[in-house]
C-alpha atoms as a PDB file:
ATOM      1  CA  MET A   1     -29.275 -13.839  14.131  1.00  0.00           C
ATOM      2  CA  THR A   2     -27.418 -15.284  17.067  1.00  0.00           C
ATOM      3  CA  GLU A   3     -25.498 -17.984  15.250  1.00  0.00           C
ATOM      4  CA  ASN A   4     -25.513 -19.838  11.960  1.00  0.00           C
ATOM      5  CA  GLY A   5     -23.729 -22.978  10.834  1.00  0.00           C
ATOM      6  CA  ILE A   6     -23.996 -26.381   9.205  1.00  0.00           C
ATOM      7  CA  GLY A   7     -22.877 -29.769  10.492  1.00  0.00           C
ATOM      8  CA  THR A   8     -21.325 -31.469   7.469  1.00  0.00           C
ATOM      9  CA  THR A   9     -18.132 -33.151   6.342  1.00  0.00           C
ATOM     10  CA  ASP A  10     -18.610 -31.581   2.878  1.00  0.00           C
ATOM     11  CA  ASP A  11     -16.691 -28.304   3.090  1.00  0.00           C
ATOM     12  CA  GLU A  12     -17.945 -27.131  -0.315  1.00  0.00           C
ATOM     13  CA  GLN A  13     -21.474 -27.453   1.072  1.00  0.00           C
ATOM     14  CA  ARG A  14     -20.414 -25.360   4.103  1.00  0.00           C
ATOM     15  CA  ILE A  15     -19.048 -22.633   1.810  1.00  0.00           C
ATOM     16  CA  ARG A  16     -22.288 -22.563  -0.219  1.00  0.00           C
ATOM     17  CA  PHE A  17     -24.383 -22.513   2.974  1.00  0.00           C
ATOM     18  CA  VAL A  18     -22.457 -19.643   4.544  1.00  0.00           C
ATOM     19  CA  GLY A  19     -22.373 -17.723   1.248  1.00  0.00           C
ATOM     20  CA  GLU A  20     -26.161 -17.949   1.009  1.00  0.00           C
ATOM     21  CA  ALA A  21     -26.488 -16.887   4.658  1.00  0.00           C
ATOM     22  CA  LEU A  22     -24.287 -13.836   4.059  1.00  0.00           C
ATOM     23  CA  GLU A  23     -26.360 -12.939   0.996  1.00  0.00           C
ATOM     24  CA  GLY A  24     -29.442 -13.124   3.240  1.00  0.00           C
ATOM     25  CA  VAL A  25     -27.773 -10.851   5.793  1.00  0.00           C
ATOM     26  CA  ASP A  26     -26.979  -8.416   2.991  1.00  0.00           C
ATOM     27  CA  ARG A  27     -30.617  -8.441   1.813  1.00  0.00           C
ATOM     28  CA  CYS A  28     -31.758  -7.702   5.374  1.00  0.00           C
ATOM     29  CA  ILE A  29     -29.371  -4.744   5.571  1.00  0.00           C
ATOM     30  CA  GLN A  30     -30.537  -3.476   2.185  1.00  0.00           C
ATOM     31  CA  ASP A  31     -34.136  -3.685   3.481  1.00  0.00           C
ATOM     32  CA  GLY A  32     -33.188  -1.453   6.404  1.00  0.00           C
ATOM     33  CA  ILE A  33     -33.025  -4.101   9.131  1.00  0.00           C
ATOM     34  CA  ASP A  34     -30.561  -3.148  11.877  1.00  0.00           C
ATOM     35  CA  VAL A  35     -28.078  -6.045  11.631  1.00  0.00           C
ATOM     36  CA  ARG A  36     -25.183  -5.771  14.093  1.00  0.00           C
ATOM     37  CA  GLY A  37     -23.199  -8.900  13.286  1.00  0.00           C
ATOM     38  CA  TYR A  38     -22.957 -12.383  11.868  1.00  0.00           C
ATOM     39  CA  PHE A  39     -21.620 -15.277  13.936  1.00  0.00           C
ATOM     40  CA  TYR A  40     -20.671 -18.591  12.373  1.00  0.00           C
ATOM     41  CA  TRP A  41     -21.144 -21.682  14.546  1.00  0.00           C
ATOM     42  CA  SER A  42     -18.589 -23.008  15.255  1.00  0.00           C
ATOM     43  CA  LEU A  43     -14.882 -22.319  15.147  1.00  0.00           C
ATOM     44  CA  LEU A  44     -14.043 -25.912  16.118  1.00  0.00           C
ATOM     45  CA  ASP A  45     -15.706 -29.254  15.551  1.00  0.00           C
ATOM     46  CA  ASN A  46     -17.363 -29.692  18.929  1.00  0.00           C
ATOM     47  CA  PHE A  47     -19.532 -31.955  21.076  1.00  0.00           C
ATOM     48  CA  GLU A  48     -23.275 -31.595  20.490  1.00  0.00           C
ATOM     49  CA  TRP A  49     -25.414 -32.874  23.374  1.00  0.00           C
ATOM     50  CA  ALA A  50     -27.986 -34.545  21.124  1.00  0.00           C
ATOM     51  CA  PHE A  51     -25.578 -35.951  18.513  1.00  0.00           C
ATOM     52  CA  GLY A  52     -22.159 -36.246  20.167  1.00  0.00           C
ATOM     53  CA  TYR A  53     -19.125 -35.626  17.944  1.00  0.00           C
ATOM     54  CA  ARG A  54     -20.868 -36.719  14.699  1.00  0.00           C
ATOM     55  CA  PRO A  55     -21.871 -33.277  13.287  1.00  0.00           C
ATOM     56  CA  ARG A  56     -18.870 -31.378  11.961  1.00  0.00           C
ATOM     57  CA  PHE A  57     -19.768 -27.698  12.351  1.00  0.00           C
ATOM     58  CA  GLY A  58     -16.231 -26.383  12.737  1.00  0.00           C
ATOM     59  CA  LEU A  59     -14.243 -24.195  10.417  1.00  0.00           C
ATOM     60  CA  VAL A  60     -11.331 -25.962  12.084  1.00  0.00           C
ATOM     61  CA  GLY A  61     -11.474 -29.747  12.224  1.00  0.00           C
ATOM     62  CA  VAL A  62     -10.415 -31.611  15.366  1.00  0.00           C
ATOM     63  CA  ASP A  63      -8.987 -35.125  15.257  1.00  0.00           C
ATOM     64  CA  ARG A  64     -10.589 -36.680  18.348  1.00  0.00           C
ATOM     65  CA  GLU A  65      -7.745 -39.159  18.876  1.00  0.00           C
ATOM     66  CA  THR A  66      -4.783 -36.773  18.561  1.00  0.00           C
ATOM     67  CA  GLN A  67      -6.520 -33.410  19.202  1.00  0.00           C
ATOM     68  CA  VAL A  68      -4.702 -32.065  16.121  1.00  0.00           C
ATOM     69  CA  ARG A  69      -6.517 -29.099  14.571  1.00  0.00           C
ATOM     70  CA  ASP A  70      -6.826 -28.688  10.805  1.00  0.00           C
ATOM     71  CA  VAL A  71      -8.001 -25.432   9.243  1.00  0.00           C
ATOM     72  CA  LYS A  72     -10.656 -26.264   6.652  1.00  0.00           C
ATOM     73  CA  PRO A  73     -10.869 -24.443   3.298  1.00  0.00           C
ATOM     74  CA  SER A  74     -14.156 -22.895   4.481  1.00  0.00           C
ATOM     75  CA  ALA A  75     -12.268 -21.045   7.247  1.00  0.00           C
ATOM     76  CA  THR A  76      -9.914 -19.510   4.696  1.00  0.00           C
ATOM     77  CA  TRP A  77     -12.864 -18.665   2.436  1.00  0.00           C
ATOM     78  CA  LEU A  78     -14.797 -17.001   5.271  1.00  0.00           C
ATOM     79  CA  GLY A  79     -11.724 -15.099   6.449  1.00  0.00           C
ATOM     80  CA  ARG A  80     -11.339 -13.621   2.968  1.00  0.00           C
ATOM     81  CA  SER A  81     -15.058 -12.978   2.424  1.00  0.00           C
ATOM     82  CA  PRO A  82     -16.228  -9.396   2.452  1.00  0.00           C
ATOM     83  CA  ALA A  83     -18.714  -8.330   5.108  1.00  0.00           C
ATOM     84  CA  PRO A  84     -22.288  -7.269   4.310  1.00  0.00           C
ATOM     85  CA  THR A  85     -22.809  -3.541   3.927  1.00  0.00           C
ATOM     86  CA  ALA A  86     -25.699  -1.121   3.769  1.00  0.00           C
ATOM     87  CA  SER A  87     -24.540   0.942   0.821  1.00  0.00           C
ATOM     88  CA  ALA A  88     -27.000   3.303  -0.834  1.00  0.00           C
ATOM     89  CA  GLU A  89     -25.926   2.097  -4.259  1.00  0.00           C
ATOM     90  CA  ARG A  90     -26.465  -1.560  -5.207  1.00  0.00           C
ATOM     91  CA  ASP A  91     -23.321  -3.395  -6.194  1.00  0.00           C
ATOM     92  CA  PRO A  92     -23.661  -5.260  -9.512  1.00  0.00           C
ATOM     93  CA  ARG A  93     -22.144  -8.423  -7.989  1.00  0.00           C
ATOM     94  CA  PRO A  94     -24.566 -11.196  -6.931  1.00  0.00           C
ATOM     95  CA  HIS A  95     -24.521  -9.725  -3.432  1.00  0.00           C
ATOM     96  CA  SER A  96     -23.442  -6.238  -2.453  1.00  0.00           C
ATOM     97  CA  LEU A  97     -20.654  -7.085  -0.066  1.00  0.00           C
ATOM     98  CA  ARG A  98     -17.512  -5.042   0.457  1.00  0.00           C
ATOM     99  CA  GLU A  99     -14.000  -5.836   1.543  1.00  0.00           C
ATOM    100  CA  ILE A 100     -13.216  -5.085   5.178  1.00  0.00           C
ATOM    101  CA  PRO A 101      -9.833  -5.110   6.903  1.00  0.00           C
ATOM    102  CA  HIS A 102      -9.120  -8.246   8.930  1.00  0.00           C
ATOM    103  CA  THR A 103      -9.045  -6.089  12.065  1.00  0.00           C
ATOM    104  CA  SER A 104     -12.821  -5.714  11.656  1.00  0.00           C
ATOM    105  CA  ILE A 105     -13.296  -9.468  11.984  1.00  0.00           C
ATOM    106  CA  THR A 106     -13.387 -10.616  15.580  1.00  0.00           C
ATOM    107  CA  THR A 107     -13.046 -14.021  17.175  1.00  0.00           C
ATOM    108  CA  ALA A 108     -13.986 -12.853  20.661  1.00  0.00           C
ATOM    109  CA  SER A 109     -17.088 -15.014  20.339  1.00  0.00           C
ATOM    110  CA  PRO A 110     -16.862 -18.803  20.071  1.00  0.00           C
ATOM    111  CA  ALA A 111     -16.711 -18.451  16.284  1.00  0.00           C
ATOM    112  CA  PRO A 112     -15.510 -15.993  13.652  1.00  0.00           C
ATOM    113  CA  ALA A 113     -17.792 -13.002  13.308  1.00  0.00           C
ATOM    114  CA  PHE A 114     -18.282 -10.028  11.091  1.00  0.00           C
ATOM    115  CA  VAL A 115     -18.848  -6.820  13.021  1.00  0.00           C
ATOM    116  CA  MET A 116     -20.807  -4.195  11.162  1.00  0.00           C
ATOM    117  CA  GLU A 117     -19.406  -0.694  11.124  1.00  0.00           C
ATOM    118  CA  GLN A 118     -21.697   1.967  12.566  1.00  0.00           C
END
């Protein structure tokens, strides 16, 4: 997966969408697929060539008149979400994700990313 996101003004929908995507990543790992990372698109509400500023993909909203940035609840949720893991034992939770230290989450890409431990 190179990137994954949803253009919506409904942040609860974004949280559900990303949660389902992370569950899918976890299932891939459990099936033995070599997953190296997950990248959410996009950190900021941005300009899309086909649709202009209408889609709101960002975890951080941007007021186009003032350029003020506003961290959306989905950014906080994703920052606190555990990363997928390939544990030998299935976790009884709906998806077998584990907590990772924030130092394992990188923003070197255009959007927050989970980096899988080797």
